Amino acid sequence: MSAAVWRVAWRLLLCIAVSGLAWRVLGRVAMICTLPLFGVMLARPLIDLASDLHHATRWLVWRSEEGRYYAFHGQQVRVIEDAEQVRWVRAADVRRIVGYTSSDGAIALTYPTGWALFGSPPEGYFSDEALLTHLRREGTAEAGRFALWAERTITFPARRRRERQR
């Protein structure tokens, strides 16, 4: 954004210098004839500055969600990433999309390392790998579609990051 501000500033100074020189040498009429120069010289840099301000505003609004917003067919899926690059998917969102699966207690017993409680009040979360295993055991078509989506958008990128970190 500072580059766009500098572009506007130096072009504005150049236009003022040309207009001042025209007024000094040729008079007021010549200075007025240089006014279109302001429009020509400043139009594009002002548009670039407005665009930069728009992008900066969007970044400020969405920076808290960056890298954590996931949606499956318009339904938000809450994902948390821990220090080991493991992504944890909220079980309530999985149940909302797939339908009721197992209870939290049964899931905790089935996937002891793939189940955790986060937040206050504590909510159940699947690890990315446990989520795929769980969804593949479900027999519904929606679970299959969700498993494919989860593998592509959540699990595979997390695996790649863990492999690169080693």
N, C-alpha and C. Protein backbone atom coordinates (compact mmCIF):
# COMPACT_ATOMS: atom_id res chain seq x y z
N MET A 1 0.82 -1.18 0.00
CA MET A 1 0.00 0.00 0.00
C MET A 1 0.87 1.25 0.00
N SER A 2 1.99 1.22 0.67
CA SER A 2 2.84 2.41 0.72
C SER A 2 3.37 2.76 -0.67
N ALA A 3 3.57 1.77 -1.53
CA ALA A 3 4.03 2.05 -2.90
C ALA A 3 2.97 2.85 -3.65
N ALA A 4 1.70 2.52 -3.46
CA ALA A 4 0.62 3.26 -4.13
C ALA A 4 0.55 4.69 -3.60
N VAL A 5 0.76 4.87 -2.30
CA VAL A 5 0.75 6.22 -1.71
C VAL A 5 1.90 7.04 -2.27
N TRP A 6 3.07 6.44 -2.36
CA TRP A 6 4.22 7.16 -2.92
C TRP A 6 4.00 7.50 -4.39
N ARG A 7 3.39 6.59 -5.13
CA ARG A 7 3.11 6.86 -6.55
C ARG A 7 2.17 8.07 -6.68
N VAL A 8 1.14 8.12 -5.86
CA VAL A 8 0.21 9.26 -5.90
C VAL A 8 0.94 10.53 -5.50
N ALA A 9 1.75 10.45 -4.45
CA ALA A 9 2.43 11.65 -3.94
C ALA A 9 3.40 12.24 -4.96
N TRP A 10 4.25 11.41 -5.59
CA TRP A 10 5.23 11.99 -6.51
C TRP A 10 4.56 12.49 -7.79
N ARG A 11 3.49 11.81 -8.23
CA ARG A 11 2.78 12.30 -9.42
C ARG A 11 2.05 13.61 -9.12
N LEU A 12 1.51 13.71 -7.91
CA LEU A 12 0.85 14.95 -7.52
C LEU A 12 1.86 16.10 -7.47
N LEU A 13 3.02 15.84 -6.91
CA LEU A 13 4.07 16.86 -6.87
C LEU A 13 4.52 17.26 -8.27
N LEU A 14 4.63 16.29 -9.17
CA LEU A 14 5.02 16.57 -10.55
C LEU A 14 3.97 17.45 -11.23
N CYS A 15 2.70 17.12 -11.03
CA CYS A 15 1.63 17.92 -11.64
C CYS A 15 1.62 19.34 -11.08
N ILE A 16 1.82 19.48 -9.77
CA ILE A 16 1.86 20.81 -9.16
C ILE A 16 3.05 21.60 -9.71
N ALA A 17 4.19 20.95 -9.89
CA ALA A 17 5.36 21.63 -10.43
C ALA A 17 5.12 22.10 -11.86
N VAL A 18 4.52 21.25 -12.69
CA VAL A 18 4.24 21.63 -14.08
C VAL A 18 3.24 22.78 -14.12
N SER A 19 2.19 22.70 -13.30
CA SER A 19 1.19 23.78 -13.27
C SER A 19 1.80 25.08 -12.76
N GLY A 20 2.63 24.98 -11.71
CA GLY A 20 3.29 26.18 -11.19
C GLY A 20 4.22 26.80 -12.21
N LEU A 21 4.96 25.98 -12.93
CA LEU A 21 5.86 26.48 -13.96
C LEU A 21 5.07 27.14 -15.09
N ALA A 22 3.96 26.53 -15.50
CA ALA A 22 3.13 27.10 -16.56
C ALA A 22 2.55 28.44 -16.11
N TRP A 23 2.14 28.53 -14.87
CA TRP A 23 1.59 29.80 -14.36
C TRP A 23 2.67 30.88 -14.30
N ARG A 24 3.86 30.49 -13.86
CA ARG A 24 4.98 31.44 -13.71
C ARG A 24 5.44 31.97 -15.08
N VAL A 25 5.51 31.07 -16.06
CA VAL A 25 6.06 31.46 -17.37
C VAL A 25 4.99 32.03 -18.29
N LEU A 26 3.81 31.37 -18.36
CA LEU A 26 2.82 31.74 -19.37
C LEU A 26 1.55 32.37 -18.81
N GLY A 27 1.33 32.30 -17.50
CA GLY A 27 0.16 32.94 -16.91
C GLY A 27 -0.92 31.95 -16.48
N ARG A 28 -2.04 32.57 -16.02
CA ARG A 28 -3.14 31.75 -15.48
C ARG A 28 -3.78 30.85 -16.52
N VAL A 29 -3.96 31.31 -17.70
CA VAL A 29 -4.63 30.52 -18.74
C VAL A 29 -3.83 29.25 -19.03
N ALA A 30 -2.54 29.35 -19.09
CA ALA A 30 -1.70 28.17 -19.34
C ALA A 30 -1.76 27.22 -18.15
N MET A 31 -1.85 27.78 -16.95
CA MET A 31 -1.96 26.92 -15.77
C MET A 31 -3.26 26.13 -15.79
N ILE A 32 -4.34 26.79 -16.17
CA ILE A 32 -5.64 26.11 -16.24
C ILE A 32 -5.61 25.01 -17.31
N CYS A 33 -4.87 25.24 -18.37
CA CYS A 33 -4.77 24.22 -19.43
C CYS A 33 -4.00 22.98 -18.96
N THR A 34 -3.23 23.09 -17.87
CA THR A 34 -2.50 21.92 -17.36
C THR A 34 -3.34 21.08 -16.40
N LEU A 35 -4.54 21.51 -16.04
CA LEU A 35 -5.37 20.76 -15.09
C LEU A 35 -5.73 19.34 -15.56
N PRO A 36 -5.99 19.12 -16.87
CA PRO A 36 -6.24 17.74 -17.29
C PRO A 36 -5.07 16.79 -17.00
N LEU A 37 -3.88 17.37 -16.89
CA LEU A 37 -2.71 16.57 -16.55
C LEU A 37 -2.89 15.87 -15.20
N PHE A 38 -3.56 16.55 -14.25
CA PHE A 38 -3.83 15.94 -12.95
C PHE A 38 -4.67 14.66 -13.11
N GLY A 39 -5.69 14.74 -13.92
CA GLY A 39 -6.56 13.58 -14.14
C GLY A 39 -5.82 12.42 -14.80
N VAL A 40 -5.02 12.76 -15.81
CA VAL A 40 -4.28 11.72 -16.53
C VAL A 40 -3.23 11.07 -15.63
N MET A 41 -2.52 11.88 -14.87
CA MET A 41 -1.42 11.36 -14.04
C MET A 41 -1.89 10.65 -12.77
N LEU A 42 -3.05 11.03 -12.24
CA LEU A 42 -3.47 10.51 -10.94
C LEU A 42 -4.55 9.44 -10.99
N ALA A 43 -5.18 9.23 -12.13
CA ALA A 43 -6.31 8.30 -12.19
C ALA A 43 -5.91 6.88 -11.79
N ARG A 44 -4.94 6.32 -12.46
CA ARG A 44 -4.55 4.93 -12.18
C ARG A 44 -3.95 4.74 -10.78
N PRO A 45 -3.06 5.61 -10.33
CA PRO A 45 -2.55 5.43 -8.96
C PRO A 45 -3.64 5.53 -7.88
N LEU A 46 -4.64 6.39 -8.09
CA LEU A 46 -5.73 6.48 -7.12
C LEU A 46 -6.59 5.22 -7.12
N ILE A 47 -6.79 4.65 -8.29
CA ILE A 47 -7.53 3.38 -8.37
C ILE A 47 -6.74 2.27 -7.69
N ASP A 48 -5.43 2.23 -7.92
CA ASP A 48 -4.58 1.23 -7.25
C ASP A 48 -4.60 1.40 -5.74
N LEU A 49 -4.58 2.65 -5.28
CA LEU A 49 -4.63 2.92 -3.85
C LEU A 49 -5.96 2.45 -3.25
N ALA A 50 -7.06 2.71 -3.94
CA ALA A 50 -8.37 2.25 -3.47
C ALA A 50 -8.43 0.73 -3.42
N SER A 51 -7.86 0.08 -4.42
CA SER A 51 -7.82 -1.38 -4.43
C SER A 51 -6.98 -1.92 -3.28
N ASP A 52 -5.84 -1.32 -3.03
CA ASP A 52 -4.99 -1.74 -1.91
C ASP A 52 -5.70 -1.55 -0.57
N LEU A 53 -6.43 -0.45 -0.42
CA LEU A 53 -7.19 -0.22 0.81
C LEU A 53 -8.29 -1.27 0.98
N HIS A 54 -8.93 -1.64 -0.11
CA HIS A 54 -9.96 -2.68 -0.07
C HIS A 54 -9.37 -4.01 0.38
N HIS A 55 -8.24 -4.40 -0.21
CA HIS A 55 -7.61 -5.66 0.15
C HIS A 55 -7.09 -5.65 1.59
N ALA A 56 -6.56 -4.52 2.02
CA ALA A 56 -6.08 -4.41 3.41
C ALA A 56 -7.23 -4.53 4.39
N THR A 57 -8.36 -3.94 4.06
CA THR A 57 -9.54 -4.04 4.92
C THR A 57 -10.04 -5.47 5.00
N ARG A 58 -10.12 -6.15 3.87
CA ARG A 58 -10.54 -7.56 3.86
C ARG A 58 -9.58 -8.42 4.68
N TRP A 59 -8.28 -8.14 4.57
CA TRP A 59 -7.29 -8.91 5.32
C TRP A 59 -7.49 -8.70 6.82
N LEU A 60 -7.74 -7.46 7.23
CA LEU A 60 -7.96 -7.18 8.65
C LEU A 60 -9.20 -7.89 9.18
N VAL A 61 -10.24 -7.94 8.37
CA VAL A 61 -11.49 -8.58 8.80
C VAL A 61 -11.32 -10.09 8.88
N TRP A 62 -10.65 -10.71 7.91
CA TRP A 62 -10.59 -12.17 7.82
C TRP A 62 -9.33 -12.80 8.39
N ARG A 63 -8.39 -12.02 8.91
CA ARG A 63 -7.13 -12.60 9.37
C ARG A 63 -7.32 -13.58 10.53
N SER A 64 -8.36 -13.39 11.34
CA SER A 64 -8.59 -14.33 12.44
C SER A 64 -9.07 -15.69 11.93
N GLU A 65 -9.64 -15.73 10.74
CA GLU A 65 -10.14 -16.99 10.17
C GLU A 65 -9.19 -17.60 9.15
N GLU A 66 -8.12 -16.93 8.82
CA GLU A 66 -7.23 -17.39 7.77
C GLU A 66 -6.66 -18.77 8.08
N GLY A 67 -6.84 -19.69 7.15
CA GLY A 67 -6.32 -21.04 7.32
C GLY A 67 -7.19 -21.93 8.19
N ARG A 68 -8.28 -21.40 8.73
CA ARG A 68 -9.11 -22.21 9.61
C ARG A 68 -10.55 -22.30 9.15
N TYR A 69 -10.92 -21.65 8.07
CA TYR A 69 -12.29 -21.70 7.60
C TYR A 69 -12.43 -22.79 6.55
N TYR A 70 -13.28 -23.75 6.84
CA TYR A 70 -13.57 -24.83 5.91
C TYR A 70 -15.08 -24.95 5.79
N ALA A 71 -15.57 -25.25 4.60
CA ALA A 71 -17.00 -25.42 4.40
C ALA A 71 -17.23 -26.56 3.43
N PHE A 72 -18.13 -27.45 3.80
CA PHE A 72 -18.51 -28.58 2.95
C PHE A 72 -19.94 -28.32 2.49
N HIS A 73 -20.13 -28.07 1.21
CA HIS A 73 -21.44 -27.77 0.62
C HIS A 73 -22.15 -26.67 1.40
N GLY A 74 -21.42 -25.61 1.73
CA GLY A 74 -22.01 -24.46 2.40
C GLY A 74 -22.15 -24.60 3.91
N GLN A 75 -21.79 -25.72 4.48
CA GLN A 75 -21.88 -25.92 5.92
C GLN A 75 -20.48 -25.79 6.52
N GLN A 76 -20.35 -24.87 7.48
CA GLN A 76 -19.03 -24.61 8.06
C GLN A 76 -18.57 -25.80 8.89
N VAL A 77 -17.28 -26.11 8.75
CA VAL A 77 -16.64 -27.18 9.50
C VAL A 77 -15.50 -26.54 10.29
N ARG A 78 -15.57 -26.61 11.61
CA ARG A 78 -14.54 -26.01 12.45
C ARG A 78 -13.33 -26.93 12.54
N VAL A 79 -12.16 -26.38 12.24
CA VAL A 79 -10.91 -27.15 12.23
C VAL A 79 -9.89 -26.39 13.07
N ILE A 80 -9.20 -27.13 13.94
CA ILE A 80 -8.13 -26.57 14.77
C ILE A 80 -6.85 -27.30 14.39
N GLU A 81 -5.75 -26.56 14.30
CA GLU A 81 -4.46 -27.18 14.00
C GLU A 81 -3.55 -27.02 15.22
N ASP A 82 -2.93 -28.12 15.64
CA ASP A 82 -2.06 -28.06 16.81
C ASP A 82 -0.60 -27.88 16.41
N ALA A 83 0.29 -27.92 17.39
CA ALA A 83 1.71 -27.65 17.14
C ALA A 83 2.36 -28.72 16.27
N GLU A 84 1.85 -29.96 16.31
CA GLU A 84 2.41 -31.05 15.50
C GLU A 84 1.81 -31.10 14.10
N GLN A 85 1.09 -30.05 13.70
CA GLN A 85 0.45 -29.95 12.39
C GLN A 85 -0.67 -30.96 12.20
N VAL A 86 -1.26 -31.44 13.29
CA VAL A 86 -2.42 -32.33 13.21
C VAL A 86 -3.65 -31.45 13.22
N ARG A 87 -4.55 -31.69 12.30
CA ARG A 87 -5.79 -30.92 12.24
C ARG A 87 -6.89 -31.69 12.96
N TRP A 88 -7.64 -30.98 13.78
CA TRP A 88 -8.72 -31.56 14.56
C TRP A 88 -10.04 -30.99 14.08
N VAL A 89 -10.99 -31.88 13.74
CA VAL A 89 -12.28 -31.50 13.17
C VAL A 89 -13.36 -31.70 14.23
N ARG A 90 -14.20 -30.70 14.42
CA ARG A 90 -15.23 -30.75 15.46
C ARG A 90 -16.26 -31.84 15.14
N ALA A 91 -16.52 -32.69 16.11
CA ALA A 91 -17.43 -33.82 15.93
C ALA A 91 -18.87 -33.36 15.69
N ALA A 92 -19.28 -32.27 16.30
CA ALA A 92 -20.64 -31.77 16.09
C ALA A 92 -20.87 -31.38 14.63
N ASP A 93 -19.85 -30.84 13.99
CA ASP A 93 -19.98 -30.50 12.57
C ASP A 93 -20.06 -31.75 11.71
N VAL A 94 -19.28 -32.76 12.07
CA VAL A 94 -19.33 -34.04 11.34
C VAL A 94 -20.71 -34.65 11.47
N ARG A 95 -21.27 -34.64 12.67
CA ARG A 95 -22.62 -35.20 12.89
C ARG A 95 -23.68 -34.40 12.13
N ARG A 96 -23.53 -33.11 12.07
CA ARG A 96 -24.49 -32.28 11.35
C ARG A 96 -24.49 -32.61 9.87
N ILE A 97 -23.32 -32.90 9.32
CA ILE A 97 -23.21 -33.18 7.88
C ILE A 97 -23.58 -34.62 7.56
N VAL A 98 -23.01 -35.57 8.31
CA VAL A 98 -23.16 -36.99 7.99
C VAL A 98 -24.43 -37.58 8.61
N GLY A 99 -24.85 -37.02 9.72
CA GLY A 99 -25.93 -37.60 10.49
C GLY A 99 -25.32 -38.19 11.75
N TYR A 100 -26.16 -38.62 12.66
CA TYR A 100 -25.64 -39.10 13.94
C TYR A 100 -24.80 -40.35 13.72
N THR A 101 -23.61 -40.34 14.27
CA THR A 101 -22.72 -41.50 14.18
C THR A 101 -22.65 -42.12 15.57
N SER A 102 -21.52 -42.32 16.11
CA SER A 102 -21.35 -42.91 17.44
C SER A 102 -21.34 -41.81 18.50
N SER A 103 -21.52 -42.23 19.75
CA SER A 103 -21.46 -41.27 20.85
C SER A 103 -20.01 -40.87 21.11
N ASP A 104 -19.82 -39.79 21.86
CA ASP A 104 -18.48 -39.32 22.17
C ASP A 104 -17.68 -40.37 22.92
N GLY A 105 -18.32 -41.06 23.85
CA GLY A 105 -17.63 -42.09 24.62
C GLY A 105 -17.16 -43.24 23.74
N ALA A 106 -18.02 -43.69 22.83
CA ALA A 106 -17.65 -44.79 21.93
C ALA A 106 -16.51 -44.36 20.99
N ILE A 107 -16.58 -43.13 20.52
CA ILE A 107 -15.52 -42.64 19.63
C ILE A 107 -14.20 -42.54 20.39
N ALA A 108 -14.25 -42.06 21.64
CA ALA A 108 -13.04 -41.94 22.45
C ALA A 108 -12.41 -43.30 22.70
N LEU A 109 -13.23 -44.34 22.86
CA LEU A 109 -12.69 -45.69 23.04
C LEU A 109 -12.15 -46.27 21.74
N THR A 110 -12.83 -45.98 20.63
CA THR A 110 -12.41 -46.53 19.33
C THR A 110 -11.13 -45.86 18.83
N TYR A 111 -11.01 -44.56 19.02
CA TYR A 111 -9.86 -43.81 18.53
C TYR A 111 -9.19 -43.09 19.72
N PRO A 112 -8.46 -43.79 20.55
CA PRO A 112 -7.89 -43.14 21.75
C PRO A 112 -6.92 -42.01 21.43
N THR A 113 -6.14 -42.12 20.35
CA THR A 113 -5.22 -41.03 20.01
C THR A 113 -5.83 -40.08 18.99
N GLY A 114 -6.97 -40.41 18.45
CA GLY A 114 -7.62 -39.60 17.43
C GLY A 114 -8.82 -38.83 17.93
N TRP A 115 -8.97 -38.72 19.23
CA TRP A 115 -10.11 -38.02 19.82
C TRP A 115 -9.60 -37.11 20.93
N ALA A 116 -10.07 -35.88 20.95
CA ALA A 116 -9.66 -34.94 22.00
C ALA A 116 -10.77 -33.96 22.28
N LEU A 117 -10.72 -33.37 23.46
CA LEU A 117 -11.68 -32.34 23.85
C LEU A 117 -10.95 -31.00 23.86
N PHE A 118 -11.53 -30.00 23.16
CA PHE A 118 -10.96 -28.67 23.09
C PHE A 118 -12.03 -27.65 23.45
N GLY A 119 -11.60 -26.52 23.94
CA GLY A 119 -12.49 -25.39 24.16
C GLY A 119 -13.11 -25.38 25.54
N SER A 120 -13.89 -24.35 25.76
CA SER A 120 -14.62 -24.20 27.01
C SER A 120 -16.04 -23.76 26.66
N PRO A 121 -17.04 -24.56 26.85
CA PRO A 121 -17.06 -25.92 27.37
C PRO A 121 -16.40 -26.89 26.38
N PRO A 122 -15.86 -27.98 26.90
CA PRO A 122 -15.13 -28.91 26.04
C PRO A 122 -16.04 -29.54 24.98
N GLU A 123 -15.53 -29.55 23.74
CA GLU A 123 -16.23 -30.18 22.62
C GLU A 123 -15.31 -31.24 22.03
N GLY A 124 -15.91 -32.30 21.51
CA GLY A 124 -15.13 -33.39 20.93
C GLY A 124 -14.64 -33.06 19.54
N TYR A 125 -13.39 -33.46 19.28
CA TYR A 125 -12.77 -33.24 17.98
C TYR A 125 -12.10 -34.53 17.52
N PHE A 126 -12.25 -34.83 16.21
CA PHE A 126 -11.54 -35.94 15.57
C PHE A 126 -10.20 -35.43 15.06
N SER A 127 -9.16 -36.25 15.15
CA SER A 127 -7.94 -35.91 14.41
C SER A 127 -8.21 -36.17 12.94
N ASP A 128 -7.39 -35.58 12.08
CA ASP A 128 -7.65 -35.73 10.64
C ASP A 128 -7.63 -37.19 10.19
N GLU A 129 -6.69 -37.97 10.69
CA GLU A 129 -6.61 -39.39 10.30
C GLU A 129 -7.77 -40.20 10.88
N ALA A 130 -8.13 -39.93 12.13
CA ALA A 130 -9.25 -40.66 12.76
C ALA A 130 -10.57 -40.33 12.07
N LEU A 131 -10.70 -39.09 11.61
CA LEU A 131 -11.91 -38.70 10.90
C LEU A 131 -12.08 -39.53 9.63
N LEU A 132 -11.02 -39.69 8.87
CA LEU A 132 -11.11 -40.49 7.64
C LEU A 132 -11.46 -41.93 7.95
N THR A 133 -10.82 -42.50 8.95
CA THR A 133 -11.11 -43.88 9.33
C THR A 133 -12.57 -44.02 9.75
N HIS A 134 -13.04 -43.08 10.55
CA HIS A 134 -14.42 -43.12 11.03
C HIS A 134 -15.41 -42.98 9.88
N LEU A 135 -15.17 -42.05 8.98
CA LEU A 135 -16.09 -41.82 7.86
C LEU A 135 -16.11 -43.00 6.90
N ARG A 136 -15.00 -43.67 6.73
CA ARG A 136 -14.97 -44.82 5.83
C ARG A 136 -15.72 -46.01 6.41
N ARG A 137 -15.86 -46.05 7.73
CA ARG A 137 -16.64 -47.12 8.36
C ARG A 137 -18.14 -46.88 8.26
N GLU A 138 -18.52 -45.62 8.07
CA GLU A 138 -19.94 -45.30 7.89
C GLU A 138 -20.37 -45.80 6.51
N GLY A 139 -21.61 -46.20 6.39
CA GLY A 139 -22.06 -46.78 5.14
C GLY A 139 -22.83 -45.83 4.23
N THR A 140 -23.03 -44.60 4.65
CA THR A 140 -23.87 -43.70 3.86
C THR A 140 -23.09 -43.03 2.74
N ALA A 141 -23.82 -42.62 1.71
CA ALA A 141 -23.20 -41.92 0.58
C ALA A 141 -22.68 -40.56 1.01
N GLU A 142 -23.41 -39.90 1.91
CA GLU A 142 -22.97 -38.58 2.37
C GLU A 142 -21.65 -38.68 3.14
N ALA A 143 -21.49 -39.76 3.90
CA ALA A 143 -20.22 -39.97 4.62
C ALA A 143 -19.08 -40.19 3.62
N GLY A 144 -19.34 -40.88 2.54
CA GLY A 144 -18.32 -41.09 1.52
C GLY A 144 -17.92 -39.79 0.85
N ARG A 145 -18.91 -38.96 0.51
CA ARG A 145 -18.61 -37.66 -0.11
C ARG A 145 -17.83 -36.77 0.86
N PHE A 146 -18.26 -36.78 2.12
CA PHE A 146 -17.58 -35.97 3.12
C PHE A 146 -16.16 -36.48 3.36
N ALA A 147 -15.97 -37.79 3.34
CA ALA A 147 -14.63 -38.37 3.52
C ALA A 147 -13.71 -37.94 2.38
N LEU A 148 -14.22 -37.98 1.17
CA LEU A 148 -13.42 -37.55 0.01
C LEU A 148 -13.04 -36.08 0.14
N TRP A 149 -14.00 -35.24 0.49
CA TRP A 149 -13.74 -33.82 0.67
C TRP A 149 -12.74 -33.58 1.80
N ALA A 150 -12.93 -34.27 2.93
CA ALA A 150 -12.04 -34.09 4.09
C ALA A 150 -10.62 -34.54 3.75
N GLU A 151 -10.50 -35.61 2.99
CA GLU A 151 -9.16 -36.07 2.62
C GLU A 151 -8.45 -35.06 1.74
N ARG A 152 -9.18 -34.49 0.80
CA ARG A 152 -8.56 -33.53 -0.12
C ARG A 152 -8.24 -32.20 0.53
N THR A 153 -9.12 -31.70 1.37
CA THR A 153 -8.95 -30.33 1.88
C THR A 153 -8.36 -30.24 3.28
N ILE A 154 -8.49 -31.29 4.07
CA ILE A 154 -8.01 -31.22 5.45
C ILE A 154 -6.84 -32.17 5.69
N THR A 155 -7.03 -33.45 5.41
CA THR A 155 -6.05 -34.46 5.78
C THR A 155 -4.79 -34.42 4.92
N PHE A 156 -4.96 -34.42 3.60
CA PHE A 156 -3.79 -34.47 2.72
C PHE A 156 -2.85 -33.28 2.93
N PRO A 157 -3.36 -32.03 2.96
CA PRO A 157 -2.44 -30.92 3.22
C PRO A 157 -1.76 -31.02 4.59
N ALA A 158 -2.46 -31.52 5.59
CA ALA A 158 -1.85 -31.67 6.92
C ALA A 158 -0.75 -32.73 6.88
N ARG A 159 -0.98 -33.82 6.18
CA ARG A 159 0.05 -34.86 6.03
C ARG A 159 1.30 -34.30 5.37
N ARG A 160 1.09 -33.54 4.31
CA ARG A 160 2.22 -32.96 3.58
C ARG A 160 3.04 -32.03 4.48
N ARG A 161 2.36 -31.23 5.28
CA ARG A 161 3.07 -30.31 6.18
C ARG A 161 3.85 -31.09 7.24
N ARG A 162 3.26 -32.18 7.73
CA ARG A 162 3.97 -33.00 8.73
C ARG A 162 5.19 -33.66 8.11
N GLU A 163 5.07 -34.15 6.87
CA GLU A 163 6.21 -34.77 6.19
C GLU A 163 7.34 -33.77 5.95
N ARG A 164 6.99 -32.56 5.56
CA ARG A 164 8.01 -31.53 5.31
C ARG A 164 8.69 -31.10 6.60
N GLN A 165 7.98 -31.21 7.71
CA GLN A 165 8.52 -30.77 8.98
C GLN A 165 9.56 -31.74 9.52
N ARG A 166 9.49 -33.00 9.13
CA ARG A 166 10.43 -34.02 9.63
C ARG A 166 11.79 -33.85 9.13
